[in-house]
């Protein structure tokens, strides 16, 4: 997989992060395929700069990582088109749980090792922004940690931390007791709203 910083669009005014809980690998595969089909069929919104779809390593969900020119531009598109897109996906995969959309900005990235490609991305959502200070001040990272990217909501009240790891085993060893952490692999990408990249990551059978 590629590094997260390689996915960051320089003109992005907002980063939208949302989780879909699908429950099983079969439903996750079906939901991912449905989303990708919607992207391919629809006219790309000019304000959507990049859209990346990740699948949970345990096969129970998807993570959307979208970059838009601004929150206002995304809201305008959502009012006009989101309901139709979501309803078509829900027809194929009913019962998807969506805890909510997080509107964030990339606050800071700490790269420990830019060499190896990440095997998994770990995502932590927390209301304790102070926890990010530990990440920013870490001088010696744990084994397998390649980089950490801190996203803050517009009001600074929540932090979403995306960390890159060499593989799932390294992350499991380091974060065995950490609650609320989910790991993902990159499944599909849209760049500048047009070019599509397909990745090999699939939910486990």
Protein backbone atom coordinates (compact mmCIF):
# COMPACT_ATOMS: atom_id res chain seq x y z
CA UNK A 1 0.00 0.00 0.00
CA UNK A 2 0.96 3.61 -0.37
CA UNK A 3 1.70 6.08 2.41
CA UNK A 4 -1.14 8.31 3.56
CA UNK A 5 0.80 11.46 2.72
CA UNK A 6 0.90 10.26 -0.91
CA UNK A 7 -2.90 10.39 -0.87
CA UNK A 8 -3.18 13.90 0.52
CA UNK A 9 -4.40 16.48 -2.00
CA UNK A 10 -2.65 19.85 -1.59
CA UNK A 11 -5.84 21.83 -2.30
CA UNK A 12 -8.05 19.99 0.18
CA UNK A 13 -9.92 22.34 2.51
CA UNK A 14 -11.58 19.53 4.44
CA UNK A 15 -11.05 15.83 5.06
CA UNK A 16 -14.23 13.80 5.59
CA UNK A 17 -13.78 10.56 7.54
CA UNK A 18 -16.66 8.16 8.07
CA UNK A 19 -17.10 4.52 9.00
CA UNK A 20 -19.67 2.09 7.64
CA UNK A 21 -20.30 -0.97 9.79
CA UNK A 22 -21.35 -3.81 7.56
CA UNK A 23 -20.93 -6.77 9.91
CA UNK A 24 -19.54 -9.56 7.75
CA UNK A 25 -16.89 -9.99 5.05
CA UNK A 26 -19.58 -10.87 2.50
CA UNK A 27 -21.56 -7.71 3.21
CA UNK A 28 -18.36 -5.65 3.27
CA UNK A 29 -17.36 -6.91 -0.18
CA UNK A 30 -20.83 -6.20 -1.55
CA UNK A 31 -20.93 -2.71 -0.05
CA UNK A 32 -17.44 -1.86 -1.34
CA UNK A 33 -18.32 -3.05 -4.83
CA UNK A 34 -21.57 -1.06 -4.76
CA UNK A 35 -19.78 2.12 -3.71
CA UNK A 36 -17.13 1.71 -6.40
CA UNK A 37 -19.85 1.17 -9.01
CA UNK A 38 -21.56 4.38 -7.88
CA UNK A 39 -18.30 6.29 -8.21
CA UNK A 40 -17.74 4.92 -11.70
CA UNK A 41 -21.27 5.70 -12.90
CA UNK A 42 -21.72 9.19 -11.46
CA UNK A 43 -20.43 12.49 -12.76
CA UNK A 44 -17.49 13.41 -10.50
CA UNK A 45 -18.24 16.47 -8.35
CA UNK A 46 -15.68 19.16 -9.25
CA UNK A 47 -15.18 19.97 -5.56
CA UNK A 48 -14.28 16.39 -4.64
CA UNK A 49 -10.51 16.26 -4.95
CA UNK A 50 -9.89 12.69 -3.83
CA UNK A 51 -11.87 9.79 -2.38
CA UNK A 52 -10.35 6.68 -0.81
CA UNK A 53 -12.11 3.56 0.35
CA UNK A 54 -10.60 1.27 2.98
CA UNK A 55 -11.80 -2.12 4.24
CA UNK A 56 -11.45 -3.32 7.82
CA UNK A 57 -8.95 -6.13 8.22
CA UNK A 58 -11.54 -8.16 10.13
CA UNK A 59 -14.03 -7.74 7.29
CA UNK A 60 -16.67 -5.94 9.35
CA UNK A 61 -16.69 -2.48 7.82
CA UNK A 62 -15.51 0.24 5.47
CA UNK A 63 -13.77 3.54 6.03
CA UNK A 64 -14.28 6.51 3.71
CA UNK A 65 -11.51 9.13 3.51
CA UNK A 66 -12.65 11.97 1.25
CA UNK A 67 -10.99 15.29 0.45
CA UNK A 68 -13.06 18.24 -0.77
CA UNK A 69 -12.33 21.87 -1.50
CA UNK A 70 -14.51 22.93 1.45
CA UNK A 71 -17.26 21.75 3.78
CA UNK A 72 -19.68 24.10 2.05
CA UNK A 73 -19.01 22.52 -1.35
CA UNK A 74 -19.52 19.04 0.07
CA UNK A 75 -22.77 20.03 1.80
CA UNK A 76 -24.11 21.47 -1.46
CA UNK A 77 -23.39 18.19 -3.24
CA UNK A 78 -24.79 16.11 -0.37
CA UNK A 79 -28.08 17.99 -0.36
CA UNK A 80 -28.53 17.32 -4.08
CA UNK A 81 -27.10 13.81 -4.53
CA UNK A 82 -26.18 11.89 -1.36
CA UNK A 83 -29.61 10.42 -0.64
CA UNK A 84 -29.86 8.84 -4.10
CA UNK A 85 -26.35 7.37 -3.90
CA UNK A 86 -26.84 5.95 -0.41
CA UNK A 87 -30.26 4.52 -1.20
CA UNK A 88 -28.87 2.55 -4.14
CA UNK A 89 -26.13 1.08 -1.95
CA UNK A 90 -28.62 0.30 0.81
CA UNK A 91 -30.86 -1.52 -1.67
CA UNK A 92 -28.01 -3.94 -2.36
CA UNK A 93 -26.71 -4.10 1.22
CA UNK A 94 -29.48 -3.16 3.66
CA UNK A 95 -28.82 -2.43 7.30
CA UNK A 96 -25.44 -0.67 7.07
CA UNK A 97 -24.70 1.23 10.28
CA UNK A 98 -23.23 4.71 9.84
CA UNK A 99 -22.12 6.26 13.16
CA UNK A 100 -21.58 9.67 11.57
CA UNK A 101 -19.41 11.84 9.35
CA UNK A 102 -16.36 13.56 10.81
CA UNK A 103 -15.32 16.85 9.21
CA UNK A 104 -11.63 17.27 9.91
CA UNK A 105 -8.41 18.96 8.93
CA UNK A 106 -5.04 17.23 8.82
CA UNK A 107 -3.37 18.83 11.83
CA UNK A 108 0.04 17.20 11.80
CA UNK A 109 1.92 14.20 10.45
CA UNK A 110 4.80 12.52 12.24
CA UNK A 111 6.81 10.23 9.95
CA UNK A 112 9.09 7.78 11.74
CA UNK A 113 10.16 5.66 8.76
CA UNK A 114 9.34 6.69 5.19
CA UNK A 115 10.91 3.59 3.67
CA UNK A 116 8.66 0.55 4.09
CA UNK A 117 5.18 0.60 2.64
CA UNK A 118 2.46 0.25 5.28
CA UNK A 119 0.68 -3.07 5.63
CA UNK A 120 -2.26 -1.65 7.58
CA UNK A 121 -3.69 1.67 8.69
CA UNK A 122 -4.96 1.93 12.27
CA UNK A 123 -7.71 4.47 12.97
CA UNK A 124 -8.46 5.81 16.44
CA UNK A 125 -11.33 8.18 17.10
CA UNK A 126 -11.23 9.98 20.42
CA UNK A 127 -12.71 12.98 22.22
CA UNK A 128 -9.47 13.53 24.17
CA UNK A 129 -7.47 15.84 21.90
CA UNK A 130 -4.76 15.92 24.57
CA UNK A 131 -3.84 12.38 23.60
CA UNK A 132 -2.36 13.70 20.37
CA UNK A 133 0.41 15.38 22.36
CA UNK A 134 1.80 11.95 23.18
CA UNK A 135 2.01 11.19 19.47
CA UNK A 136 3.59 14.51 18.60
CA UNK A 137 6.21 14.22 21.32
CA UNK A 138 7.16 10.59 20.77
CA UNK A 139 10.89 10.49 20.12
CA UNK A 140 11.25 6.72 19.79
CA UNK A 141 8.33 4.98 18.08
CA UNK A 142 7.37 1.42 18.84
CA UNK A 143 8.45 -1.34 16.49
CA UNK A 144 6.46 -1.38 13.27
CA UNK A 145 5.04 2.15 13.53
CA UNK A 146 5.85 4.05 10.34
CA UNK A 147 3.87 7.27 10.66
CA UNK A 148 1.04 8.95 12.54
CA UNK A 149 -1.38 11.49 11.09
CA UNK A 150 -3.48 13.59 13.44
CA UNK A 151 -6.79 14.97 12.16
CA UNK A 152 -8.76 17.48 14.22
CA UNK A 153 -12.38 18.47 13.87
CA UNK A 154 -13.07 22.10 13.04
CA UNK A 155 -13.82 22.97 16.67
CA UNK A 156 -10.79 21.04 17.94
CA UNK A 157 -12.99 18.90 20.14
CA UNK A 158 -12.21 15.54 18.56
CA UNK A 159 -9.13 13.90 17.18
CA UNK A 160 -8.93 11.12 14.62
CA UNK A 161 -5.51 9.52 14.46
CA UNK A 162 -4.52 7.47 11.41
CA UNK A 163 -1.29 5.53 11.94
CA UNK A 164 0.67 3.44 9.47
CA UNK A 165 2.12 0.08 10.45
CA UNK A 166 4.37 -2.41 8.70
CA UNK A 167 1.80 -5.16 9.22
CA UNK A 168 -1.15 -6.19 11.36
CA UNK A 169 1.01 -8.24 13.72
CA UNK A 170 3.16 -5.24 14.66
CA UNK A 171 0.09 -3.17 15.40
CA UNK A 172 -1.54 -5.93 17.43
CA UNK A 173 1.59 -6.31 19.53
CA UNK A 174 1.84 -2.59 20.26
CA UNK A 175 -1.87 -1.88 20.74
CA UNK A 176 -3.11 -5.07 22.36
CA UNK A 177 -4.76 -3.18 25.22
CA UNK A 178 -5.86 -0.09 23.29
CA UNK A 179 -9.66 0.15 22.97
CA UNK A 180 -11.49 1.57 19.98
CA UNK A 181 -8.78 0.99 17.39
CA UNK A 182 -9.68 -0.51 14.02
CA UNK A 183 -7.27 -1.46 11.23
CA UNK A 184 -7.88 -1.07 7.51
CA UNK A 185 -6.30 -1.68 4.13
CA UNK A 186 -6.74 0.49 1.04
CA UNK A 187 -9.28 -0.88 -1.41
CA UNK A 188 -9.98 1.80 -4.02
CA UNK A 189 -9.07 5.41 -4.80
CA UNK A 190 -10.31 8.31 -6.88
CA UNK A 191 -7.83 11.10 -7.57
CA UNK A 192 -8.93 14.58 -8.61
CA UNK A 193 -12.41 13.15 -8.89
CA UNK A 194 -11.62 11.24 -12.07
CA UNK A 195 -8.71 8.79 -12.18
CA UNK A 196 -9.47 5.53 -10.39
CA UNK A 197 -6.96 3.19 -8.80
CA UNK A 198 -7.91 -0.33 -7.80
CA UNK A 199 -6.07 -2.07 -4.97
CA UNK A 200 -5.91 -5.74 -4.10
CA UNK A 201 -7.16 -5.42 -0.52
CA UNK A 202 -10.28 -7.51 0.06
CA UNK A 203 -12.08 -8.41 3.27
CA UNK A 204 -11.14 -11.83 4.63
CA UNK A 205 -13.34 -14.68 3.49
